[in-house]
Amino acid sequence: MIHYIAFYTLKDGVTSENIEEMIRMSRSRLLKINEAHNVRSGRTIQEKSEFPFFVSADFESMDKLAIFREDPQNLKFEREVIQPHTKDCKEYLFETEPGKDIKYS
């Protein structure tokens, strides 16, 4: 199982209300994608944070993650929610199954 997490820096002028809407939209859109499991999103609780918003999900394989990236719901989310409000993203991938050779992920 692959765990994907993306941390976002926000554009100037993004409000807490904008972040709340980003959280709602990420859940409503990304949960519709069959390849994505355990979709989560949220905001930081630290006052000063480099990454005030995140999205994470689990995928059965790297192939499923690739399908997710090209899914129309994800592309619409990226275009309508992420691009207008964020300026940078740091993505990380983790294998969560103990003993699994990562070349088979």
PDB file of N, CA and C in Angstrom:
ATOM      1  N   MET A   1       0.858  -1.178   0.000  1.00  0.00           N
ATOM      2  CA  MET A   1       0.000   0.000   0.000  1.00  0.00           C
ATOM      3  C   MET A   1       0.898   1.232   0.000  1.00  0.00           C
ATOM      4  N   ILE A   2       0.588   2.157  -0.865  1.00  0.00           N
ATOM      5  CA  ILE A   2       1.339   3.404  -0.982  1.00  0.00           C
ATOM      6  C   ILE A   2       0.566   4.500  -0.254  1.00  0.00           C
ATOM      7  N   HIS A   3       1.259   5.230   0.602  1.00  0.00           N
ATOM      8  CA  HIS A   3       0.644   6.398   1.237  1.00  0.00           C
ATOM      9  C   HIS A   3       1.224   7.637   0.564  1.00  0.00           C
ATOM     10  N   TYR A   4       0.337   8.461   0.029  1.00  0.00           N
ATOM     11  CA  TYR A   4       0.690   9.704  -0.663  1.00  0.00           C
ATOM     12  C   TYR A   4       0.290  10.864   0.229  1.00  0.00           C
ATOM     13  N   ILE A   5       1.195  11.825   0.370  1.00  0.00           N
ATOM     14  CA  ILE A   5       0.846  13.042   1.105  1.00  0.00           C
ATOM     15  C   ILE A   5       1.442  14.237   0.372  1.00  0.00           C
ATOM     16  N   ALA A   6       0.633  15.268   0.211  1.00  0.00           N
ATOM     17  CA  ALA A   6       1.062  16.499  -0.460  1.00  0.00           C
ATOM     18  C   ALA A   6       0.854  17.664   0.493  1.00  0.00           C
ATOM     19  N   PHE A   7       1.917  18.433   0.689  1.00  0.00           N
ATOM     20  CA  PHE A   7       1.867  19.635   1.519  1.00  0.00           C
ATOM     21  C   PHE A   7       1.910  20.849   0.599  1.00  0.00           C
ATOM     22  N   TYR A   8       1.031  21.815   0.840  1.00  0.00           N
ATOM     23  CA  TYR A   8       0.907  22.974  -0.040  1.00  0.00           C
ATOM     24  C   TYR A   8       1.242  24.273   0.675  1.00  0.00           C
ATOM     25  N   THR A   9       1.955  25.157  -0.040  1.00  0.00           N
ATOM     26  CA  THR A   9       2.078  26.543   0.395  1.00  0.00           C
ATOM     27  C   THR A   9       0.996  27.323  -0.344  1.00  0.00           C
ATOM     28  N   LEU A  10       0.460  28.314   0.317  1.00  0.00           N
ATOM     29  CA  LEU A  10      -0.678  29.045  -0.237  1.00  0.00           C
ATOM     30  C   LEU A  10      -0.263  30.388  -0.821  1.00  0.00           C
ATOM     31  N   LYS A  11      -1.030  30.827  -1.799  1.00  0.00           N
ATOM     32  CA  LYS A  11      -0.816  32.151  -2.374  1.00  0.00           C
ATOM     33  C   LYS A  11      -1.221  33.211  -1.359  1.00  0.00           C
ATOM     34  N   ASP A  12      -0.638  34.390  -1.503  1.00  0.00           N
ATOM     35  CA  ASP A  12      -1.020  35.510  -0.642  1.00  0.00           C
ATOM     36  C   ASP A  12      -2.508  35.791  -0.807  1.00  0.00           C
ATOM     37  N   GLY A  13      -3.146  36.110   0.286  1.00  0.00           N
ATOM     38  CA  GLY A  13      -4.554  36.461   0.242  1.00  0.00           C
ATOM     39  C   GLY A  13      -5.521  35.310   0.441  1.00  0.00           C
ATOM     40  N   VAL A  14      -5.008  34.076   0.535  1.00  0.00           N
ATOM     41  CA  VAL A  14      -5.895  32.940   0.786  1.00  0.00           C
ATOM     42  C   VAL A  14      -6.350  33.008   2.244  1.00  0.00           C
ATOM     43  N   THR A  15      -7.647  32.983   2.449  1.00  0.00           N
ATOM     44  CA  THR A  15      -8.221  33.152   3.784  1.00  0.00           C
ATOM     45  C   THR A  15      -8.527  31.801   4.432  1.00  0.00           C
ATOM     46  N   SER A  16      -8.831  31.834   5.712  1.00  0.00           N
ATOM     47  CA  SER A  16      -9.219  30.602   6.406  1.00  0.00           C
ATOM     48  C   SER A  16     -10.510  30.038   5.805  1.00  0.00           C
ATOM     49  N   GLU A  17     -11.377  30.903   5.318  1.00  0.00           N
ATOM     50  CA  GLU A  17     -12.596  30.443   4.651  1.00  0.00           C
ATOM     51  C   GLU A  17     -12.256  29.713   3.351  1.00  0.00           C
ATOM     52  N   ASN A  18     -11.254  30.223   2.620  1.00  0.00           N
ATOM     53  CA  ASN A  18     -10.803  29.536   1.410  1.00  0.00           C
ATOM     54  C   ASN A  18     -10.279  28.144   1.748  1.00  0.00           C
ATOM     55  N   ILE A  19      -9.506  28.044   2.818  1.00  0.00           N
ATOM     56  CA  ILE A  19      -8.948  26.751   3.222  1.00  0.00           C
ATOM     57  C   ILE A  19     -10.068  25.788   3.604  1.00  0.00           C
ATOM     58  N   GLU A  20     -11.059  26.271   4.319  1.00  0.00           N
ATOM     59  CA  GLU A  20     -12.208  25.428   4.683  1.00  0.00           C
ATOM     60  C   GLU A  20     -12.883  24.879   3.426  1.00  0.00           C
ATOM     61  N   GLU A  21     -13.049  25.721   2.429  1.00  0.00           N
ATOM     62  CA  GLU A  21     -13.663  25.281   1.176  1.00  0.00           C
ATOM     63  C   GLU A  21     -12.758  24.288   0.446  1.00  0.00           C
ATOM     64  N   MET A  22     -11.450  24.496   0.491  1.00  0.00           N
ATOM     65  CA  MET A  22     -10.510  23.553  -0.123  1.00  0.00           C
ATOM     66  C   MET A  22     -10.636  22.178   0.531  1.00  0.00           C
ATOM     67  N   ILE A  23     -10.776  22.150   1.840  1.00  0.00           N
ATOM     68  CA  ILE A  23     -10.943  20.879   2.554  1.00  0.00           C
ATOM     69  C   ILE A  23     -12.243  20.202   2.110  1.00  0.00           C
ATOM     70  N   ARG A  24     -13.325  20.946   2.086  1.00  0.00           N
ATOM     71  CA  ARG A  24     -14.614  20.379   1.660  1.00  0.00           C
ATOM     72  C   ARG A  24     -14.542  19.854   0.225  1.00  0.00           C
ATOM     73  N   MET A  25     -13.964  20.640  -0.665  1.00  0.00           N
ATOM     74  CA  MET A  25     -13.888  20.241  -2.075  1.00  0.00           C
ATOM     75  C   MET A  25     -12.983  19.029  -2.267  1.00  0.00           C
ATOM     76  N   SER A  26     -11.876  18.978  -1.532  1.00  0.00           N
ATOM     77  CA  SER A  26     -10.980  17.828  -1.686  1.00  0.00           C
ATOM     78  C   SER A  26     -11.691  16.548  -1.288  1.00  0.00           C
ATOM     79  N   ARG A  27     -12.426  16.592  -0.226  1.00  0.00           N
ATOM     80  CA  ARG A  27     -13.131  15.388   0.224  1.00  0.00           C
ATOM     81  C   ARG A  27     -14.261  15.014  -0.726  1.00  0.00           C
ATOM     82  N   SER A  28     -15.034  15.981  -1.161  1.00  0.00           N
ATOM     83  CA  SER A  28     -16.171  15.652  -2.028  1.00  0.00           C
ATOM     84  C   SER A  28     -15.714  15.164  -3.399  1.00  0.00           C
ATOM     85  N   ARG A  29     -14.627  15.685  -3.905  1.00  0.00           N
ATOM     86  CA  ARG A  29     -14.175  15.280  -5.247  1.00  0.00           C
ATOM     87  C   ARG A  29     -13.276  14.055  -5.222  1.00  0.00           C
ATOM     88  N   LEU A  30     -12.307  14.028  -4.325  1.00  0.00           N
ATOM     89  CA  LEU A  30     -11.321  12.947  -4.356  1.00  0.00           C
ATOM     90  C   LEU A  30     -11.882  11.631  -3.835  1.00  0.00           C
ATOM     91  N   LEU A  31     -12.874  11.686  -2.968  1.00  0.00           N
ATOM     92  CA  LEU A  31     -13.492  10.447  -2.484  1.00  0.00           C
ATOM     93  C   LEU A  31     -14.284   9.733  -3.577  1.00  0.00           C
ATOM     94  N   LYS A  32     -14.564  10.409  -4.681  1.00  0.00           N
ATOM     95  CA  LYS A  32     -15.277   9.794  -5.804  1.00  0.00           C
ATOM     96  C   LYS A  32     -14.359   8.939  -6.672  1.00  0.00           C
ATOM     97  N   ILE A  33     -13.066   9.021  -6.448  1.00  0.00           N
ATOM     98  CA  ILE A  33     -12.101   8.302  -7.281  1.00  0.00           C
ATOM     99  C   ILE A  33     -11.837   6.935  -6.654  1.00  0.00           C
ATOM    100  N   ASN A  34     -12.178   5.868  -7.384  1.00  0.00           N
ATOM    101  CA  ASN A  34     -12.097   4.504  -6.851  1.00  0.00           C
ATOM    102  C   ASN A  34     -10.700   4.097  -6.407  1.00  0.00           C
ATOM    103  N   GLU A  35      -9.674   4.582  -7.065  1.00  0.00           N
ATOM    104  CA  GLU A  35      -8.305   4.170  -6.740  1.00  0.00           C
ATOM    105  C   GLU A  35      -7.812   4.748  -5.417  1.00  0.00           C
ATOM    106  N   ALA A  36      -8.411   5.830  -4.957  1.00  0.00           N
ATOM    107  CA  ALA A  36      -7.963   6.513  -3.734  1.00  0.00           C
ATOM    108  C   ALA A  36      -8.722   5.983  -2.519  1.00  0.00           C
ATOM    109  N   HIS A  37      -7.967   5.613  -1.486  1.00  0.00           N
ATOM    110  CA  HIS A  37      -8.542   5.137  -0.229  1.00  0.00           C
ATOM    111  C   HIS A  37      -8.079   6.048   0.903  1.00  0.00           C
ATOM    112  N   ASN A  38      -8.895   6.154   1.927  1.00  0.00           N
ATOM    113  CA  ASN A  38      -8.529   6.928   3.131  1.00  0.00           C
ATOM    114  C   ASN A  38      -8.105   8.361   2.797  1.00  0.00           C
ATOM    115  N   VAL A  39      -8.851   9.006   1.941  1.00  0.00           N
ATOM    116  CA  VAL A  39      -8.537  10.387   1.553  1.00  0.00           C
ATOM    117  C   VAL A  39      -8.705  11.298   2.768  1.00  0.00           C
ATOM    118  N   ARG A  40      -7.698  12.111   2.984  1.00  0.00           N
ATOM    119  CA  ARG A  40      -7.717  13.068   4.087  1.00  0.00           C
ATOM    120  C   ARG A  40      -7.208  14.410   3.568  1.00  0.00           C
ATOM    121  N   SER A  41      -7.692  15.468   4.193  1.00  0.00           N
ATOM    122  CA  SER A  41      -7.161  16.798   3.920  1.00  0.00           C
ATOM    123  C   SER A  41      -7.371  17.628   5.168  1.00  0.00           C
ATOM    124  N   GLY A  42      -6.596  18.690   5.277  1.00  0.00           N
ATOM    125  CA  GLY A  42      -6.757  19.524   6.457  1.00  0.00           C
ATOM    126  C   GLY A  42      -5.838  20.721   6.437  1.00  0.00           C
ATOM    127  N   ARG A  43      -5.892  21.455   7.531  1.00  0.00           N
ATOM    128  CA  ARG A  43      -5.088  22.669   7.677  1.00  0.00           C
ATOM    129  C   ARG A  43      -4.201  22.514   8.905  1.00  0.00           C
ATOM    130  N   THR A  44      -3.164  23.303   8.933  1.00  0.00           N
ATOM    131  CA  THR A  44      -2.242  23.244  10.061  1.00  0.00           C
ATOM    132  C   THR A  44      -2.886  23.813  11.322  1.00  0.00           C
ATOM    133  N   ILE A  45      -2.412  23.342  12.459  1.00  0.00           N
ATOM    134  CA  ILE A  45      -2.845  23.918  13.731  1.00  0.00           C
ATOM    135  C   ILE A  45      -1.750  24.797  14.322  1.00  0.00           C
ATOM    136  N   GLN A  46      -0.615  24.858  13.610  1.00  0.00           N
ATOM    137  CA  GLN A  46       0.485  25.719  14.040  1.00  0.00           C
ATOM    138  C   GLN A  46       0.299  27.103  13.439  1.00  0.00           C
ATOM    139  N   GLU A  47       0.562  28.117  14.224  1.00  0.00           N
ATOM    140  CA  GLU A  47       0.336  29.484  13.757  1.00  0.00           C
ATOM    141  C   GLU A  47       1.213  29.834  12.554  1.00  0.00           C
ATOM    142  N   LYS A  48       2.466  29.514  12.618  1.00  0.00           N
ATOM    143  CA  LYS A  48       3.392  29.769  11.509  1.00  0.00           C
ATOM    144  C   LYS A  48       3.820  28.428  10.930  1.00  0.00           C
ATOM    145  N   SER A  49       3.347  28.121   9.742  1.00  0.00           N
ATOM    146  CA  SER A  49       3.676  26.855   9.105  1.00  0.00           C
ATOM    147  C   SER A  49       3.985  27.102   7.638  1.00  0.00           C
ATOM    148  N   GLU A  50       5.004  26.425   7.154  1.00  0.00           N
ATOM    149  CA  GLU A  50       5.356  26.528   5.740  1.00  0.00           C
ATOM    150  C   GLU A  50       4.255  25.929   4.855  1.00  0.00           C
ATOM    151  N   PHE A  51       3.560  24.921   5.399  1.00  0.00           N
ATOM    152  CA  PHE A  51       2.540  24.208   4.631  1.00  0.00           C
ATOM    153  C   PHE A  51       1.199  24.233   5.374  1.00  0.00           C
ATOM    154  N   PRO A  52       0.359  25.222   5.107  1.00  0.00           N
ATOM    155  CA  PRO A  52      -0.900  25.342   5.840  1.00  0.00           C
ATOM    156  C   PRO A  52      -1.999  24.363   5.404  1.00  0.00           C
ATOM    157  N   PHE A  53      -1.801  23.616   4.300  1.00  0.00           N
ATOM    158  CA  PHE A  53      -2.838  22.733   3.782  1.00  0.00           C
ATOM    159  C   PHE A  53      -2.194  21.449   3.286  1.00  0.00           C
ATOM    160  N   PHE A  54      -2.890  20.317   3.492  1.00  0.00           N
ATOM    161  CA  PHE A  54      -2.380  19.046   2.983  1.00  0.00           C
ATOM    162  C   PHE A  54      -3.517  18.190   2.444  1.00  0.00           C
ATOM    163  N   VAL A  55      -3.138  17.247   1.580  1.00  0.00           N
ATOM    164  CA  VAL A  55      -4.029  16.198   1.085  1.00  0.00           C
ATOM    165  C   VAL A  55      -3.246  14.901   1.161  1.00  0.00           C
ATOM    166  N   SER A  56      -3.897  13.827   1.616  1.00  0.00           N
ATOM    167  CA  SER A  56      -3.243  12.521   1.626  1.00  0.00           C
ATOM    168  C   SER A  56      -4.245  11.446   1.233  1.00  0.00           C
ATOM    169  N   ALA A  57      -3.708  10.315   0.764  1.00  0.00           N
ATOM    170  CA  ALA A  57      -4.547   9.178   0.380  1.00  0.00           C
ATOM    171  C   ALA A  57      -3.672   7.935   0.304  1.00  0.00           C
ATOM    172  N   ASP A  58      -4.325   6.783   0.331  1.00  0.00           N
ATOM    173  CA  ASP A  58      -3.645   5.503   0.172  1.00  0.00           C
ATOM    174  C   ASP A  58      -4.003   4.918  -1.187  1.00  0.00           C
ATOM    175  N   PHE A  59      -3.022   4.213  -1.780  1.00  0.00           N
ATOM    176  CA  PHE A  59      -3.205   3.571  -3.078  1.00  0.00           C
ATOM    177  C   PHE A  59      -2.625   2.167  -3.020  1.00  0.00           C
ATOM    178  N   GLU A  60      -3.253   1.239  -3.719  1.00  0.00           N
ATOM    179  CA  GLU A  60      -2.797  -0.144  -3.711  1.00  0.00           C
ATOM    180  C   GLU A  60      -1.446  -0.311  -4.389  1.00  0.00           C
ATOM    181  N   SER A  61      -1.113   0.572  -5.321  1.00  0.00           N
ATOM    182  CA  SER A  61       0.146   0.460  -6.058  1.00  0.00           C
ATOM    183  C   SER A  61       0.473   1.805  -6.704  1.00  0.00           C
ATOM    184  N   MET A  62       1.681   1.897  -7.234  1.00  0.00           N
ATOM    185  CA  MET A  62       2.069   3.098  -7.972  1.00  0.00           C
ATOM    186  C   MET A  62       1.226   3.241  -9.238  1.00  0.00           C
ATOM    187  N   ASP A  63       0.819   2.114  -9.823  1.00  0.00           N
ATOM    188  CA  ASP A  63      -0.053   2.164 -10.999  1.00  0.00           C
ATOM    189  C   ASP A  63      -1.394   2.810 -10.660  1.00  0.00           C
ATOM    190  N   LYS A  64      -1.944   2.471  -9.495  1.00  0.00           N
ATOM    191  CA  LYS A  64      -3.221   3.065  -9.068  1.00  0.00           C
ATOM    192  C   LYS A  64      -3.058   4.562  -8.807  1.00  0.00           C
ATOM    193  N   LEU A  65      -1.907   4.957  -8.269  1.00  0.00           N
ATOM    194  CA  LEU A  65      -1.632   6.383  -8.071  1.00  0.00           C
ATOM    195  C   LEU A  65      -1.582   7.101  -9.419  1.00  0.00           C
ATOM    196  N   ALA A  66      -0.953   6.470 -10.413  1.00  0.00           N
ATOM    197  CA  ALA A  66      -0.882   7.068 -11.752  1.00  0.00           C
ATOM    198  C   ALA A  66      -2.282   7.230 -12.354  1.00  0.00           C
ATOM    199  N   ILE A  67      -3.143   6.240 -12.159  1.00  0.00           N
ATOM    200  CA  ILE A  67      -4.523   6.336 -12.645  1.00  0.00           C
ATOM    201  C   ILE A  67      -5.239   7.486 -11.943  1.00  0.00           C
ATOM    202  N   PHE A  68      -5.042   7.602 -10.638  1.00  0.00           N
ATOM    203  CA  PHE A  68      -5.634   8.688  -9.851  1.00  0.00           C
ATOM    204  C   PHE A  68      -5.214  10.049 -10.395  1.00  0.00           C
ATOM    205  N   ARG A  69      -3.931  10.201 -10.692  1.00  0.00           N
ATOM    206  CA  ARG A  69      -3.425  11.495 -11.169  1.00  0.00           C
ATOM    207  C   ARG A  69      -4.103  11.929 -12.469  1.00  0.00           C
ATOM    208  N   GLU A  70      -4.514  10.974 -13.297  1.00  0.00           N
ATOM    209  CA  GLU A  70      -5.136  11.284 -14.589  1.00  0.00           C
ATOM    210  C   GLU A  70      -6.661  11.260 -14.542  1.00  0.00           C
ATOM    211  N   ASP A  71      -7.228  10.934 -13.401  1.00  0.00           N
ATOM    212  CA  ASP A  71      -8.681  10.866 -13.279  1.00  0.00           C
ATOM    213  C   ASP A  71      -9.296  12.258 -13.475  1.00  0.00           C
ATOM    214  N   PRO A  72     -10.401  12.352 -14.216  1.00  0.00           N
ATOM    215  CA  PRO A  72     -11.037  13.660 -14.446  1.00  0.00           C
ATOM    216  C   PRO A  72     -11.412  14.397 -13.158  1.00  0.00           C
ATOM    217  N   GLN A  73     -11.840  13.682 -12.127  1.00  0.00           N
ATOM    218  CA  GLN A  73     -12.177  14.341 -10.855  1.00  0.00           C
ATOM    219  C   GLN A  73     -10.942  14.987 -10.230  1.00  0.00           C
ATOM    220  N   ASN A  74      -9.804  14.290 -10.284  1.00  0.00           N
ATOM    221  CA  ASN A  74      -8.568  14.854  -9.735  1.00  0.00           C
ATOM    222  C   ASN A  74      -8.102  16.046 -10.563  1.00  0.00           C
ATOM    223  N   LEU A  75      -8.159  15.923 -11.874  1.00  0.00           N
ATOM    224  CA  LEU A  75      -7.735  17.027 -12.738  1.00  0.00           C
ATOM    225  C   LEU A  75      -8.603  18.264 -12.512  1.00  0.00           C
ATOM    226  N   LYS A  76      -9.900  18.059 -12.333  1.00  0.00           N
ATOM    227  CA  LYS A  76     -10.807  19.173 -12.049  1.00  0.00           C
ATOM    228  C   LYS A  76     -10.476  19.795 -10.692  1.00  0.00           C
ATOM    229  N   PHE A  77     -10.198  18.957  -9.695  1.00  0.00           N
ATOM    230  CA  PHE A  77      -9.808  19.445  -8.372  1.00  0.00           C
ATOM    231  C   PHE A  77      -8.525  20.269  -8.461  1.00  0.00           C
ATOM    232  N   GLU A  78      -7.537  19.764  -9.179  1.00  0.00           N
ATOM    233  CA  GLU A  78      -6.274  20.494  -9.350  1.00  0.00           C
ATOM    234  C   GLU A  78      -6.520  21.849 -10.015  1.00  0.00           C
ATOM    235  N   ARG A  79      -7.319  21.845 -11.067  1.00  0.00           N
ATOM    236  CA  ARG A  79      -7.566  23.058 -11.848  1.00  0.00           C
ATOM    237  C   ARG A  79      -8.402  24.090 -11.082  1.00  0.00           C
ATOM    238  N   GLU A  80      -9.434  23.643 -10.385  1.00  0.00           N
ATOM    239  CA  GLU A  80     -10.378  24.572  -9.759  1.00  0.00           C
ATOM    240  C   GLU A  80     -10.075  24.903  -8.302  1.00  0.00           C
ATOM    241  N   VAL A  81      -9.347  24.033  -7.612  1.00  0.00           N
ATOM    242  CA  VAL A  81      -9.103  24.248  -6.183  1.00  0.00           C
ATOM    243  C   VAL A  81      -7.629  24.496  -5.886  1.00  0.00           C
ATOM    244  N   ILE A  82      -6.769  23.620  -6.365  1.00  0.00           N
ATOM    245  CA  ILE A  82      -5.345  23.718  -6.024  1.00  0.00           C
ATOM    246  C   ILE A  82      -4.670  24.884  -6.741  1.00  0.00           C
ATOM    247  N   GLN A  83      -4.756  24.946  -8.047  1.00  0.00           N
ATOM    248  CA  GLN A  83      -4.040  25.984  -8.798  1.00  0.00           C
ATOM    249  C   GLN A  83      -4.405  27.410  -8.393  1.00  0.00           C
ATOM    250  N   PRO A  84      -5.673  27.738  -8.170  1.00  0.00           N
ATOM    251  CA  PRO A  84      -5.995  29.126  -7.806  1.00  0.00           C
ATOM    252  C   PRO A  84      -5.522  29.545  -6.413  1.00  0.00           C
ATOM    253  N   HIS A  85      -5.287  28.584  -5.520  1.00  0.00           N
ATOM    254  CA  HIS A  85      -4.993  28.929  -4.131  1.00  0.00           C
ATOM    255  C   HIS A  85      -3.582  28.595  -3.657  1.00  0.00           C
ATOM    256  N   THR A  86      -2.839  27.797  -4.417  1.00  0.00           N
ATOM    257  CA  THR A  86      -1.519  27.367  -3.941  1.00  0.00           C
ATOM    258  C   THR A  86      -0.417  27.833  -4.873  1.00  0.00           C
ATOM    259  N   LYS A  87       0.784  27.961  -4.299  1.00  0.00           N
ATOM    260  CA  LYS A  87       1.923  28.357  -5.131  1.00  0.00           C
ATOM    261  C   LYS A  87       2.995  27.285  -5.201  1.00  0.00           C
ATOM    262  N   ASP A  88       2.982  26.329  -4.275  1.00  0.00           N
ATOM    263  CA  ASP A  88       3.989  25.267  -4.299  1.00  0.00           C
ATOM    264  C   ASP A  88       3.438  24.035  -3.602  1.00  0.00           C
ATOM    265  N   CYS A  89       4.017  22.889  -3.955  1.00  0.00           N
ATOM    266  CA  CYS A  89       3.584  21.623  -3.377  1.00  0.00           C
ATOM    267  C   CYS A  89       4.796  20.726  -3.158  1.00  0.00           C
ATOM    268  N   LYS A  90       4.828  20.060  -2.029  1.00  0.00           N
ATOM    269  CA  LYS A  90       5.837  19.031  -1.736  1.00  0.00           C
ATOM    270  C   LYS A  90       5.084  17.718  -1.595  1.00  0.00           C
ATOM    271  N   GLU A  91       5.430  16.747  -2.431  1.00  0.00           N
ATOM    272  CA  GLU A  91       4.766  15.445  -2.396  1.00  0.00           C
ATOM    273  C   GLU A  91       5.719  14.393  -1.856  1.00  0.00           C
ATOM    274  N   TYR A  92       5.161  13.475  -1.062  1.00  0.00           N
ATOM    275  CA  TYR A  92       5.938  12.375  -0.503  1.00  0.00           C
ATOM    276  C   TYR A  92       5.152  11.088  -0.671  1.00  0.00           C
ATOM    277  N   LEU A  93       5.877   9.990  -0.922  1.00  0.00           N
ATOM    278  CA  LEU A  93       5.278   8.669  -1.066  1.00  0.00           C
ATOM    279  C   LEU A  93       5.941   7.717  -0.081  1.00  0.00           C
ATOM    280  N   PHE A  94       5.125   6.882   0.574  1.00  0.00           N
ATOM    281  CA  PHE A  94       5.629   5.924   1.549  1.00  0.00           C
ATOM    282  C   PHE A  94       5.005   4.559   1.286  1.00  0.00           C
ATOM    283  N   GLU A  95       5.814   3.512   1.392  1.00  0.00           N
ATOM    284  CA  GLU A  95       5.298   2.144   1.378  1.00  0.00           C
ATOM    285  C   GLU A  95       4.900   1.817   2.806  1.00  0.00           C
ATOM    286  N   THR A  96       3.684   1.354   3.015  1.00  0.00           N
ATOM    287  CA  THR A  96       3.200   1.121   4.378  1.00  0.00           C
ATOM    288  C   THR A  96       3.134  -0.351   4.765  1.00  0.00           C
ATOM    289  N   GLU A  97       3.458  -1.253   3.840  1.00  0.00           N
ATOM    290  CA  GLU A  97       3.420  -2.677   4.163  1.00  0.00           C
ATOM    291  C   GLU A  97       4.800  -3.137   4.603  1.00  0.00           C
ATOM    292  N   PRO A  98       4.923  -3.625   5.849  1.00  0.00           N
ATOM    293  CA  PRO A  98       6.223  -4.081   6.336  1.00  0.00           C
ATOM    294  C   PRO A  98       6.737  -5.253   5.501  1.00  0.00           C
ATOM    295  N   GLY A  99       8.009  -5.224   5.211  1.00  0.00           N
ATOM    296  CA  GLY A  99       8.650  -6.319   4.502  1.00  0.00           C
ATOM    297  C   GLY A  99       8.443  -6.327   3.004  1.00  0.00           C
ATOM    298  N   LYS A 100       7.633  -5.443   2.473  1.00  0.00           N
ATOM    299  CA  LYS A 100       7.391  -5.422   1.030  1.00  0.00           C
ATOM    300  C   LYS A 100       8.543  -4.708   0.341  1.00  0.00           C
ATOM    301  N   ASP A 101       9.077  -5.343  -0.677  1.00  0.00           N
ATOM    302  CA  ASP A 101      10.141  -4.740  -1.471  1.00  0.00           C
ATOM    303  C   ASP A 101       9.543  -3.570  -2.249  1.00  0.00           C
ATOM    304  N   ILE A 102      10.123  -2.385  -2.089  1.00  0.00           N
ATOM    305  CA  ILE A 102       9.521  -1.200  -2.713  1.00  0.00           C
ATOM    306  C   ILE A 102       9.528  -1.255  -4.234  1.00  0.00           C
ATOM    307  N   LYS A 103      10.374  -2.094  -4.827  1.00  0.00           N
ATOM    308  CA  LYS A 103      10.350  -2.178  -6.290  1.00  0.00           C
ATOM    309  C   LYS A 103       9.064  -2.817  -6.800  1.00  0.00           C
ATOM    310  N   TYR A 104       8.302  -3.465  -5.904  1.00  0.00           N
ATOM    311  CA  TYR A 104       7.017  -4.061  -6.285  1.00  0.00           C
ATOM    312  C   TYR A 104       5.829  -3.199  -5.877  1.00  0.00           C
ATOM    313  N   SER A 105       6.091  -1.998  -5.415  1.00  0.00           N
ATOM    314  CA  SER A 105       5.006  -1.109  -4.971  1.00  0.00           C
ATOM    315  C   SER A 105       4.202  -0.590  -6.141  1.00  0.00           C
TER     316      SER A 105
END
